[in-house]
N, C-alpha and C. Protein backbone atom coordinates (compact mmCIF):
# COMPACT_ATOMS: atom_id res chain seq x y z
N MET A 1 0.83 -1.16 0.02
CA MET A 1 0.00 -0.04 0.10
C MET A 1 0.79 1.28 0.03
N ARG A 2 1.88 1.26 0.84
CA ARG A 2 2.76 2.42 1.07
C ARG A 2 3.53 2.69 -0.44
N ASP A 3 3.94 1.56 -1.13
CA ASP A 3 4.65 1.67 -2.37
C ASP A 3 3.75 2.30 -3.31
N GLN A 4 2.30 1.91 -3.30
CA GLN A 4 1.53 2.28 -4.31
C GLN A 4 1.29 3.89 -3.99
N LEU A 5 1.25 4.29 -2.67
CA LEU A 5 1.11 5.70 -2.53
C LEU A 5 2.13 6.59 -3.00
N LEU A 6 3.26 6.05 -2.67
CA LEU A 6 4.75 6.66 -3.24
C LEU A 6 4.70 6.78 -4.59
N ARG A 7 4.14 5.85 -5.56
CA ARG A 7 4.07 6.03 -7.11
C ARG A 7 2.98 7.01 -7.29
N VAL A 8 1.86 7.06 -6.67
CA VAL A 8 1.14 8.10 -6.87
C VAL A 8 1.31 9.62 -6.55
N LEU A 9 2.14 9.70 -5.69
CA LEU A 9 2.86 10.97 -5.25
C LEU A 9 3.72 11.41 -6.13
N GLY A 10 4.51 10.30 -6.73
CA GLY A 10 5.57 10.63 -7.66
C GLY A 10 4.89 11.12 -9.00
N ARG A 11 3.91 10.37 -9.31
CA ARG A 11 3.22 10.74 -10.63
C ARG A 11 2.57 12.28 -10.58
N VAL A 12 1.90 12.42 -9.28
CA VAL A 12 1.26 13.84 -9.20
C VAL A 12 2.36 14.95 -9.25
N ALA A 13 3.45 14.77 -8.46
CA ALA A 13 4.56 15.66 -8.45
C ALA A 13 5.01 15.97 -9.77
N ALA A 14 5.25 14.96 -10.65
CA ALA A 14 5.79 15.08 -11.86
C ALA A 14 4.90 15.69 -12.75
N ASP A 15 3.53 15.39 -12.74
CA ASP A 15 2.50 16.16 -13.51
C ASP A 15 2.56 17.61 -13.07
N ALA A 16 2.59 17.85 -11.70
CA ALA A 16 2.37 19.24 -11.35
C ALA A 16 3.64 20.10 -11.97
N GLU A 17 4.88 19.42 -12.13
CA GLU A 17 5.86 20.13 -12.52
C GLU A 17 5.78 20.53 -13.97
N SER A 18 5.10 19.78 -14.72
CA SER A 18 4.84 20.26 -16.18
C SER A 18 4.15 21.38 -16.44
N VAL A 19 4.61 22.00 -17.61
CA VAL A 19 4.13 23.36 -17.90
C VAL A 19 2.54 23.35 -18.34
N GLY A 20 2.07 22.38 -18.96
CA GLY A 20 0.65 22.17 -19.22
C GLY A 20 0.15 21.13 -18.55
N TYR A 21 -0.82 21.48 -17.54
CA TYR A 21 -1.57 20.43 -16.67
C TYR A 21 -2.17 19.51 -17.39
N ALA A 22 -2.80 19.83 -18.45
CA ALA A 22 -3.77 19.00 -19.50
C ALA A 22 -2.95 18.38 -20.58
N ALA A 23 -1.44 18.45 -20.56
CA ALA A 23 -0.82 17.91 -21.55
C ALA A 23 -0.78 16.61 -21.59
N PRO A 24 -0.59 15.77 -22.68
CA PRO A 24 -0.65 14.37 -22.43
C PRO A 24 0.83 14.02 -21.80
N ALA A 25 0.93 12.66 -21.26
CA ALA A 25 2.25 12.36 -20.67
C ALA A 25 3.10 12.15 -21.80
N THR A 26 4.45 12.76 -21.66
CA THR A 26 5.44 12.68 -22.57
C THR A 26 6.46 11.78 -21.81
N ASP A 27 7.42 11.44 -22.88
CA ASP A 27 8.73 10.59 -22.27
C ASP A 27 9.33 11.49 -20.99
N ASP A 28 9.60 12.82 -21.35
CA ASP A 28 10.09 13.62 -20.16
C ASP A 28 9.37 13.62 -18.96
N SER A 29 8.02 13.77 -18.90
CA SER A 29 7.33 13.65 -17.45
C SER A 29 7.31 12.26 -17.15
N GLN A 30 7.32 11.30 -17.86
CA GLN A 30 7.49 9.92 -17.53
C GLN A 30 8.77 9.69 -16.69
N THR A 31 9.86 10.25 -17.39
CA THR A 31 11.25 10.03 -16.79
C THR A 31 11.36 10.93 -15.38
N ARG A 32 10.65 11.93 -15.37
CA ARG A 32 10.53 12.68 -14.20
C ARG A 32 9.72 12.00 -13.03
N ALA A 33 8.69 11.33 -13.56
CA ALA A 33 7.92 10.59 -12.54
C ALA A 33 8.68 9.38 -11.93
N THR A 34 9.42 8.87 -12.76
CA THR A 34 10.16 7.62 -12.45
C THR A 34 11.27 8.01 -11.50
N LYS A 35 11.88 9.11 -11.80
CA LYS A 35 13.00 9.62 -10.78
C LYS A 35 12.19 10.00 -9.45
N LEU A 36 11.21 10.69 -9.42
CA LEU A 36 10.62 11.10 -8.17
C LEU A 36 10.17 9.74 -7.33
N ILE A 37 9.76 8.97 -8.20
CA ILE A 37 9.33 7.60 -7.19
C ILE A 37 10.41 7.06 -6.65
N ALA A 38 11.47 6.97 -7.50
CA ALA A 38 12.74 6.44 -6.76
C ALA A 38 13.35 7.36 -5.72
N ASP A 39 13.30 8.60 -5.86
CA ASP A 39 13.74 9.51 -4.70
C ASP A 39 12.80 9.20 -3.32
N LEU A 40 11.51 9.12 -3.73
CA LEU A 40 10.65 9.06 -2.62
C LEU A 40 10.78 7.72 -1.94
N GLN A 41 11.06 6.78 -2.64
CA GLN A 41 11.32 5.42 -2.12
C GLN A 41 12.60 5.45 -1.32
N GLU A 42 13.82 5.98 -1.78
CA GLU A 42 14.98 5.96 -1.21
C GLU A 42 14.82 6.72 0.09
N ALA A 43 14.26 8.01 0.04
CA ALA A 43 14.04 8.90 1.22
C ALA A 43 13.12 8.10 2.24
N GLN A 44 12.20 7.35 1.95
CA GLN A 44 11.43 6.75 2.72
C GLN A 44 12.12 5.64 3.50
N GLY A 45 12.89 5.06 2.89
CA GLY A 45 13.90 3.88 3.50
C GLY A 45 14.71 4.54 4.47
N ILE A 46 15.50 5.62 4.11
CA ILE A 46 16.23 6.38 5.00
C ILE A 46 15.65 6.88 6.36
N CYS A 47 14.44 7.56 6.03
CA CYS A 47 13.67 8.12 7.28
C CYS A 47 13.12 6.91 8.07
N GLU A 48 12.82 5.81 7.52
CA GLU A 48 12.37 4.64 8.49
C GLU A 48 13.66 4.05 9.21
N ARG A 49 14.85 3.93 8.66
CA ARG A 49 15.86 3.29 9.26
C ARG A 49 16.24 4.36 10.58
N ASN A 50 16.41 5.63 10.04
CA ASN A 50 16.61 6.65 11.25
C ASN A 50 17.75 6.38 12.00
N GLU A 51 18.81 5.94 11.39
CA GLU A 51 20.12 5.57 12.28
C GLU A 51 20.85 6.85 12.58
N VAL A 52 21.07 7.10 14.02
CA VAL A 52 21.93 8.22 14.53
C VAL A 52 23.28 8.11 14.15
N SER A 53 23.79 6.77 14.12
CA SER A 53 25.23 6.79 13.71
C SER A 53 25.48 6.97 12.23
N GLU A 54 24.50 7.03 11.32
CA GLU A 54 24.64 7.13 9.94
C GLU A 54 24.12 8.56 9.46
N VAL A 55 24.24 9.63 10.40
CA VAL A 55 23.56 10.85 10.16
C VAL A 55 24.19 11.63 8.94
N GLY A 56 25.38 11.54 8.71
CA GLY A 56 26.35 11.99 7.80
C GLY A 56 25.78 11.51 6.38
N ALA A 57 25.90 10.31 6.21
CA ALA A 57 25.63 9.62 5.05
C ALA A 57 23.98 9.80 4.87
N SER A 58 23.05 9.72 5.72
CA SER A 58 21.66 9.85 5.50
C SER A 58 21.36 11.13 5.18
N VAL A 59 22.09 12.27 5.65
CA VAL A 59 21.78 13.64 5.24
C VAL A 59 22.25 13.84 3.76
N ALA A 60 23.37 13.41 3.46
CA ALA A 60 23.89 13.49 2.00
C ALA A 60 22.89 12.76 0.93
N ALA A 61 22.37 11.43 1.39
CA ALA A 61 21.50 10.75 0.50
C ALA A 61 20.20 11.66 0.44
N LEU A 62 19.65 12.00 1.59
CA LEU A 62 18.36 12.85 1.58
C LEU A 62 18.56 14.19 0.70
N GLN A 63 19.64 14.73 0.86
CA GLN A 63 19.77 15.98 -0.13
C GLN A 63 19.70 15.67 -1.49
N ARG A 64 20.30 14.52 -1.89
CA ARG A 64 20.09 14.09 -3.26
C ARG A 64 18.74 13.73 -3.70
N CYS A 65 17.94 13.27 -2.75
CA CYS A 65 16.61 12.69 -3.00
C CYS A 65 15.73 14.07 -3.18
N ALA A 66 15.95 15.11 -2.16
CA ALA A 66 15.13 16.24 -2.05
C ALA A 66 15.27 17.41 -2.98
N ASP A 67 15.76 16.80 -4.23
CA ASP A 67 15.66 17.94 -5.36
C ASP A 67 14.26 18.14 -5.87
N GLY A 68 13.27 17.26 -5.45
CA GLY A 68 11.92 17.51 -5.80
C GLY A 68 11.30 17.95 -4.53
N ALA A 69 10.39 18.89 -4.78
CA ALA A 69 9.64 19.63 -3.55
C ALA A 69 8.97 18.52 -2.66
N VAL A 70 8.29 17.54 -3.31
CA VAL A 70 7.48 16.50 -2.60
C VAL A 70 8.47 15.81 -1.60
N VAL A 71 9.70 15.47 -2.11
CA VAL A 71 10.40 14.74 -1.25
C VAL A 71 11.05 15.69 -0.18
N ALA A 72 11.24 16.85 -0.64
CA ALA A 72 11.92 17.93 0.37
C ALA A 72 10.76 18.11 1.59
N CYS A 73 9.64 18.04 1.37
CA CYS A 73 8.52 18.24 2.33
C CYS A 73 8.59 17.10 3.31
N GLY A 74 8.65 15.95 2.85
CA GLY A 74 8.82 14.76 3.64
C GLY A 74 10.10 14.85 4.33
N VAL A 75 11.17 15.32 3.88
CA VAL A 75 12.54 15.34 4.53
C VAL A 75 12.35 16.38 5.76
N LEU A 76 11.80 17.58 5.44
CA LEU A 76 11.43 18.49 6.53
C LEU A 76 10.66 17.89 7.76
N LEU A 77 9.63 17.33 7.48
CA LEU A 77 8.77 16.49 8.45
C LEU A 77 9.76 15.72 9.27
N TRP A 78 10.55 14.84 8.67
CA TRP A 78 11.55 13.79 9.24
C TRP A 78 12.43 14.60 10.11
N CYS A 79 13.10 15.92 9.72
CA CYS A 79 13.87 16.81 10.45
C CYS A 79 13.20 17.11 11.74
N HIS A 80 11.92 17.57 11.55
CA HIS A 80 11.00 18.26 12.60
C HIS A 80 11.00 17.03 13.81
N VAL A 81 10.45 15.99 13.43
CA VAL A 81 10.40 14.72 14.41
C VAL A 81 11.50 14.44 15.10
N ASN A 82 12.77 14.32 14.24
CA ASN A 82 13.87 13.95 15.04
C ASN A 82 14.59 14.99 15.86
N LEU A 83 14.20 16.18 15.65
CA LEU A 83 14.71 17.39 16.53
C LEU A 83 14.11 17.93 17.75
N THR A 84 12.62 17.63 17.62
CA THR A 84 11.72 18.16 18.59
C THR A 84 10.90 17.24 19.09
N GLN A 85 10.74 16.05 18.84
CA GLN A 85 9.94 15.09 19.56
C GLN A 85 10.74 14.47 20.69
N PRO A 86 10.24 14.54 22.04
CA PRO A 86 10.94 14.08 22.95
C PRO A 86 11.69 12.49 22.75
N GLN A 87 10.84 11.49 22.26
CA GLN A 87 11.41 10.30 22.15
C GLN A 87 12.84 10.08 21.30
N TYR A 88 13.08 11.23 20.43
CA TYR A 88 14.11 11.25 19.70
C TYR A 88 15.25 12.44 20.17
N SER A 89 14.61 13.56 20.49
CA SER A 89 15.47 14.70 20.61
C SER A 89 16.56 14.52 21.68
N GLY A 90 16.22 13.72 22.67
CA GLY A 90 17.51 13.62 23.84
C GLY A 90 18.58 13.02 23.30
N ALA A 91 18.53 12.08 22.12
CA ALA A 91 19.84 11.62 21.48
C ALA A 91 20.36 12.45 20.22
N ARG A 92 19.27 13.27 19.73
CA ARG A 92 19.60 13.88 18.53
C ARG A 92 19.99 15.42 18.59
N PHE A 93 19.25 16.17 19.75
CA PHE A 93 19.50 17.49 19.66
C PHE A 93 21.05 17.76 20.33
N ASN A 94 22.04 17.51 19.75
CA ASN A 94 23.41 17.48 20.16
C ASN A 94 24.45 17.88 18.84
N ALA A 95 25.65 18.05 19.56
CA ALA A 95 26.56 18.68 18.56
C ALA A 95 26.93 17.63 17.38
N SER A 96 26.68 16.50 17.54
CA SER A 96 27.17 15.50 16.47
C SER A 96 26.18 15.31 15.52
N TYR A 97 24.80 15.56 15.90
CA TYR A 97 23.71 15.31 15.07
C TYR A 97 23.10 16.39 14.39
N LEU A 98 22.72 17.41 15.23
CA LEU A 98 21.99 18.66 14.71
C LEU A 98 22.81 19.38 13.59
N PRO A 99 23.97 19.66 13.60
CA PRO A 99 24.58 20.57 12.65
C PRO A 99 24.46 19.91 11.03
N ASP A 100 24.55 18.53 11.06
CA ASP A 100 24.38 17.87 9.70
C ASP A 100 22.91 18.25 9.14
N VAL A 101 21.97 17.97 10.00
CA VAL A 101 20.65 18.05 9.77
C VAL A 101 20.20 19.48 9.44
N LEU A 102 20.88 20.44 10.09
CA LEU A 102 20.60 21.85 10.03
C LEU A 102 21.22 22.30 8.50
N ARG A 103 22.20 21.63 8.07
CA ARG A 103 22.68 21.92 6.74
C ARG A 103 21.63 21.37 5.65
N LEU A 104 21.18 20.28 5.97
CA LEU A 104 20.08 19.67 5.09
C LEU A 104 18.99 20.69 5.12
N ILE A 105 18.42 21.12 6.19
CA ILE A 105 17.37 22.16 6.20
C ILE A 105 17.71 23.25 5.42
N MET A 106 18.76 23.88 5.65
CA MET A 106 19.17 25.15 4.94
C MET A 106 19.23 24.98 3.38
N TRP A 107 19.82 23.63 3.13
CA TRP A 107 19.93 23.42 1.55
C TRP A 107 18.45 23.34 1.09
N ILE A 108 17.67 22.78 1.86
CA ILE A 108 16.18 22.60 1.10
C ILE A 108 15.64 24.07 1.05
N ALA A 109 15.74 24.94 2.07
CA ALA A 109 15.40 26.29 1.97
C ALA A 109 16.02 27.10 0.98
N THR A 110 17.07 26.76 0.54
CA THR A 110 17.84 27.69 -0.76
C THR A 110 17.28 26.98 -1.84
N LYS A 111 17.08 25.76 -2.07
CA LYS A 111 16.74 24.91 -3.28
C LYS A 111 15.23 25.27 -3.60
N HIS A 112 14.40 25.24 -2.43
CA HIS A 112 12.92 25.32 -2.68
C HIS A 112 12.45 26.50 -1.92
N THR A 113 12.31 27.58 -2.80
CA THR A 113 11.86 28.97 -2.18
C THR A 113 10.53 28.78 -1.55
N ALA A 114 9.60 27.99 -2.15
CA ALA A 114 8.26 27.87 -1.47
C ALA A 114 8.38 27.35 -0.08
N LEU A 115 9.27 26.43 0.29
CA LEU A 115 9.33 25.74 1.51
C LEU A 115 10.28 26.62 2.47
N ARG A 116 10.65 27.90 2.22
CA ARG A 116 11.31 28.45 3.26
C ARG A 116 10.64 28.91 4.45
N GLY A 117 9.20 29.08 4.15
CA GLY A 117 8.24 29.27 5.50
C GLY A 117 8.36 28.34 6.47
N GLU A 118 8.32 26.90 5.80
CA GLU A 118 8.19 25.72 6.63
C GLU A 118 9.61 25.58 7.24
N ALA A 119 10.70 25.93 6.49
CA ALA A 119 11.99 25.77 7.25
C ALA A 119 12.23 26.79 8.45
N CYS A 120 11.65 27.93 8.27
CA CYS A 120 11.65 28.83 9.30
C CYS A 120 10.92 28.43 10.49
N ARG A 121 9.71 27.77 10.30
CA ARG A 121 9.02 27.19 11.35
C ARG A 121 9.73 26.23 11.94
N LEU A 122 10.48 25.34 11.30
CA LEU A 122 11.21 24.17 11.81
C LEU A 122 12.35 24.80 12.72
N LEU A 123 12.96 25.78 12.37
CA LEU A 123 14.24 26.14 12.93
C LEU A 123 13.55 26.98 14.29
N TYR A 124 12.54 27.48 14.18
CA TYR A 124 11.99 28.20 15.44
C TYR A 124 11.34 27.14 16.54
N ALA A 125 11.04 26.00 15.94
CA ALA A 125 10.54 24.97 16.84
C ALA A 125 11.84 24.28 17.42
N CYS A 126 12.77 24.17 16.78
CA CYS A 126 14.13 23.77 17.33
C CYS A 126 14.61 24.76 18.25
N LEU A 127 14.58 26.02 17.89
CA LEU A 127 15.24 27.02 18.96
C LEU A 127 14.44 27.02 20.23
N THR A 128 13.27 26.81 20.20
CA THR A 128 12.45 26.90 21.51
C THR A 128 12.28 25.72 22.07
N HIS A 129 12.84 24.53 21.58
CA HIS A 129 12.64 23.18 22.21
C HIS A 129 13.56 23.05 23.22
N GLU A 130 13.02 22.41 24.17
CA GLU A 130 13.93 22.05 25.50
C GLU A 130 14.04 20.53 25.34
N PRO A 131 15.40 20.06 25.21
CA PRO A 131 15.52 18.68 25.28
C PRO A 131 15.38 18.05 26.55
N PRO A 132 14.97 16.76 26.49
CA PRO A 132 14.50 16.14 27.91
C PRO A 132 15.77 16.23 28.97
N SER A 133 15.17 16.29 30.15
CA SER A 133 16.30 16.40 31.36
C SER A 133 17.33 15.34 31.25
N ASP A 134 16.88 14.17 30.77
CA ASP A 134 17.79 13.20 30.78
C ASP A 134 18.93 13.14 29.56
N SER A 135 18.72 14.23 28.82
CA SER A 135 19.73 14.53 27.69
C SER A 135 21.19 14.38 27.92
N GLU A 136 22.01 14.06 27.01
CA GLU A 136 23.49 14.27 27.38
C GLU A 136 23.95 15.64 26.93
N THR A 137 23.21 16.46 26.47
CA THR A 137 23.59 17.83 26.14
C THR A 137 23.64 18.63 27.10
N ASN A 138 24.93 19.36 27.28
CA ASN A 138 25.02 20.26 28.40
C ASN A 138 24.54 21.63 28.05
N ALA A 139 24.52 22.48 29.12
CA ALA A 139 24.03 23.81 28.66
C ALA A 139 24.71 24.65 27.79
N LEU A 140 26.30 24.42 27.68
CA LEU A 140 27.01 25.23 26.84
C LEU A 140 26.94 24.58 25.38
N THR A 141 26.81 23.45 25.19
CA THR A 141 26.50 22.73 24.05
C THR A 141 25.09 23.34 23.41
N THR A 142 24.04 23.24 24.35
CA THR A 142 22.75 23.73 23.89
C THR A 142 22.80 25.09 23.39
N ILE A 143 23.60 26.16 24.22
CA ILE A 143 23.66 27.57 23.72
C ILE A 143 24.45 27.55 22.19
N ALA A 144 25.51 26.85 22.16
CA ALA A 144 26.09 26.87 20.88
C ALA A 144 25.22 26.19 19.72
N LEU A 145 24.33 25.27 20.04
CA LEU A 145 23.47 24.83 18.94
C LEU A 145 22.44 25.72 18.77
N ARG A 146 21.95 26.55 19.74
CA ARG A 146 20.91 27.64 19.40
C ARG A 146 21.48 28.53 18.64
N ARG A 147 22.88 29.04 18.92
CA ARG A 147 23.44 29.92 17.89
C ARG A 147 23.61 29.48 16.60
N GLN A 148 23.60 28.27 16.26
CA GLN A 148 23.57 27.71 14.89
C GLN A 148 22.27 28.01 14.32
N LEU A 149 21.36 27.55 14.93
CA LEU A 149 19.92 27.78 14.79
C LEU A 149 19.62 29.28 14.51
N LEU A 150 19.91 30.17 15.27
CA LEU A 150 19.91 31.51 14.85
C LEU A 150 20.47 31.91 13.64
N ASP A 151 21.62 31.48 13.37
CA ASP A 151 22.54 31.75 12.19
C ASP A 151 21.64 31.25 11.06
N GLY A 152 21.05 30.09 11.10
CA GLY A 152 20.13 29.52 10.15
C GLY A 152 19.00 30.40 9.88
N MET A 153 18.37 30.94 10.82
CA MET A 153 17.16 31.84 10.72
C MET A 153 17.65 33.33 10.13
N LEU A 154 18.85 33.67 10.33
CA LEU A 154 19.32 34.94 9.67
C LEU A 154 19.58 34.68 8.29
N LEU A 155 20.14 33.54 8.02
CA LEU A 155 20.27 33.14 6.52
C LEU A 155 18.99 33.25 5.62
N LEU A 156 17.83 32.69 6.29
CA LEU A 156 16.67 32.77 5.62
C LEU A 156 16.22 34.19 5.63
N LEU A 157 16.56 35.04 6.57
CA LEU A 157 16.21 36.49 6.45
C LEU A 157 16.80 37.13 5.31
N VAL A 158 18.18 36.77 5.07
CA VAL A 158 19.05 37.19 4.00
C VAL A 158 18.44 36.81 2.62
N GLN A 159 17.89 35.53 2.64
CA GLN A 159 17.29 35.03 1.45
C GLN A 159 15.93 35.45 1.05
N GLY A 160 15.21 36.32 2.06
CA GLY A 160 14.02 37.03 1.66
C GLY A 160 13.05 36.83 2.71
N SER A 161 13.08 36.07 3.65
CA SER A 161 12.16 35.80 4.52
C SER A 161 11.98 36.56 5.77
N VAL A 162 11.97 37.87 5.48
CA VAL A 162 12.27 38.98 6.43
C VAL A 162 11.18 38.76 7.49
N PHE A 163 10.04 38.99 7.03
CA PHE A 163 8.87 39.22 8.04
C PHE A 163 8.53 38.04 8.88
N SER A 164 8.76 36.83 8.12
CA SER A 164 8.38 35.73 9.11
C SER A 164 9.50 35.46 10.07
N VAL A 165 10.79 35.65 9.59
CA VAL A 165 12.03 35.47 10.71
C VAL A 165 11.85 36.49 11.84
N LEU A 166 11.53 37.85 11.48
CA LEU A 166 11.41 38.74 12.35
C LEU A 166 10.27 38.59 13.30
N SER A 167 9.33 38.00 12.77
CA SER A 167 8.17 37.61 13.73
C SER A 167 8.46 36.59 14.77
N TYR A 168 9.13 35.51 14.26
CA TYR A 168 9.51 34.44 15.04
C TYR A 168 10.48 34.81 16.13
N LEU A 169 11.44 35.74 15.85
CA LEU A 169 12.44 36.17 16.71
C LEU A 169 11.86 36.89 17.77
N GLU A 170 10.76 37.90 17.31
CA GLU A 170 10.33 38.77 18.22
C GLU A 170 9.59 37.82 19.41
N THR A 171 8.93 36.81 18.87
CA THR A 171 8.24 35.89 19.89
C THR A 171 9.23 35.35 20.75
N TRP A 172 10.43 34.91 20.24
CA TRP A 172 11.35 34.16 20.86
C TRP A 172 12.16 35.09 22.07
N LEU A 173 12.30 36.24 21.70
CA LEU A 173 13.21 37.22 22.59
C LEU A 173 12.72 37.35 23.98
N GLY A 174 11.60 37.22 24.34
CA GLY A 174 11.00 37.24 25.84
C GLY A 174 11.67 36.47 26.62
N GLY A 175 11.77 35.26 26.36
CA GLY A 175 12.56 34.40 27.28
C GLY A 175 13.82 33.81 26.93
N ALA A 176 14.55 34.50 26.06
CA ALA A 176 15.72 34.19 25.35
C ALA A 176 16.88 34.22 26.40
N ASP A 177 17.96 33.39 26.45
CA ASP A 177 19.32 33.60 27.00
C ASP A 177 19.83 34.91 26.58
N LEU A 178 20.27 35.77 27.51
CA LEU A 178 21.01 36.92 27.07
C LEU A 178 22.18 36.83 26.08
N SER A 179 22.92 35.87 26.29
CA SER A 179 24.04 35.70 25.35
C SER A 179 23.59 35.26 23.81
N LEU A 180 22.51 34.56 23.98
CA LEU A 180 21.87 34.47 22.57
C LEU A 180 21.40 35.70 21.92
N VAL A 181 20.55 36.36 22.78
CA VAL A 181 20.17 37.81 22.36
C VAL A 181 21.45 38.75 21.72
N ARG A 182 22.45 38.55 22.61
CA ARG A 182 23.69 39.50 22.16
C ARG A 182 24.25 38.93 20.79
N HIS A 183 24.24 37.56 20.60
CA HIS A 183 24.74 37.14 19.56
C HIS A 183 23.81 37.50 18.24
N LEU A 184 22.49 37.40 18.63
CA LEU A 184 21.61 37.68 17.56
C LEU A 184 21.70 39.07 17.03
N LEU A 185 21.71 40.15 18.10
CA LEU A 185 21.73 41.49 17.60
C LEU A 185 23.15 41.79 16.93
N GLN A 186 24.30 41.26 17.42
CA GLN A 186 25.74 41.38 16.69
C GLN A 186 25.45 41.06 15.30
N GLN A 187 24.78 39.70 14.96
CA GLN A 187 24.69 39.37 13.64
C GLN A 187 23.90 40.24 12.73
N LEU A 188 22.72 40.61 13.62
CA LEU A 188 21.62 41.71 12.58
C LEU A 188 22.24 42.89 12.38
N VAL A 189 23.08 43.39 13.26
CA VAL A 189 23.74 44.66 12.95
C VAL A 189 24.67 44.55 11.90
N ALA A 190 25.39 43.43 11.82
CA ALA A 190 26.35 43.20 10.82
C ALA A 190 25.52 42.99 9.40
N LEU A 191 24.39 42.30 9.45
CA LEU A 191 23.82 42.26 8.23
C LEU A 191 23.13 43.49 7.73
N ALA A 192 22.54 44.33 8.46
CA ALA A 192 21.70 45.53 8.19
C ALA A 192 22.78 46.46 7.59
N ALA A 193 22.34 46.95 6.40
CA ALA A 193 23.11 48.02 5.91
C ALA A 193 22.16 48.87 4.89
N PRO A 194 22.25 50.08 4.69
CA PRO A 194 21.52 50.69 3.82
C PRO A 194 21.61 50.45 2.41
N PRO A 195 20.77 50.61 1.47
CA PRO A 195 19.49 51.23 1.68
C PRO A 195 18.51 50.56 2.33
N PHE A 196 17.51 51.16 3.42
CA PHE A 196 16.57 50.42 3.99
C PHE A 196 15.16 50.60 3.55
N SER A 197 14.49 49.46 3.33
CA SER A 197 12.94 49.85 2.91
C SER A 197 12.26 50.23 3.97
N ASP A 198 11.05 50.92 3.65
CA ASP A 198 10.14 51.49 4.61
C ASP A 198 9.84 50.37 5.58
N ALA A 199 9.50 49.29 5.04
CA ALA A 199 9.02 48.15 6.15
C ALA A 199 10.14 48.01 7.00
């Protein structure tokens, strides 16, 4: 059943990428559909295995698969679950796992403009997430990881997601660690340069 669903998703995504929605299937759209189905199946397998020890290889493979937006959506969901769900985040919100996954999120946001809002929501969810108390991550490591998440949000800001990023940051500032606020403001001051828009 799952394999059939992946085939349908691949076909629909390939058809949606076509210029003419009513155009008959061509060899090109058939090739795209075949590639998307293969990418979906590979990404599905990687996400199901979900091996912490293979994060580098998994991220590289998922990046290859996430060339299509439909796969990229699923990969962002996988990232969200792994970084914010209590059953996973204790082992994964750490310095050996999160940076690789963060690079994947930023690659998707750069490649798929329409998914920048979702990437921004995900980074905010990670920024405000508190790892379980039994997590091996100490306070200094958590601060360093949150700096990386802030840098990711600032990269999204530079790429054009200004209002969504600033809105999330304004919400976050109320209870934020002062060293992180200082880091954020230093980075914002470095980024902000005239000419400024009215907004």
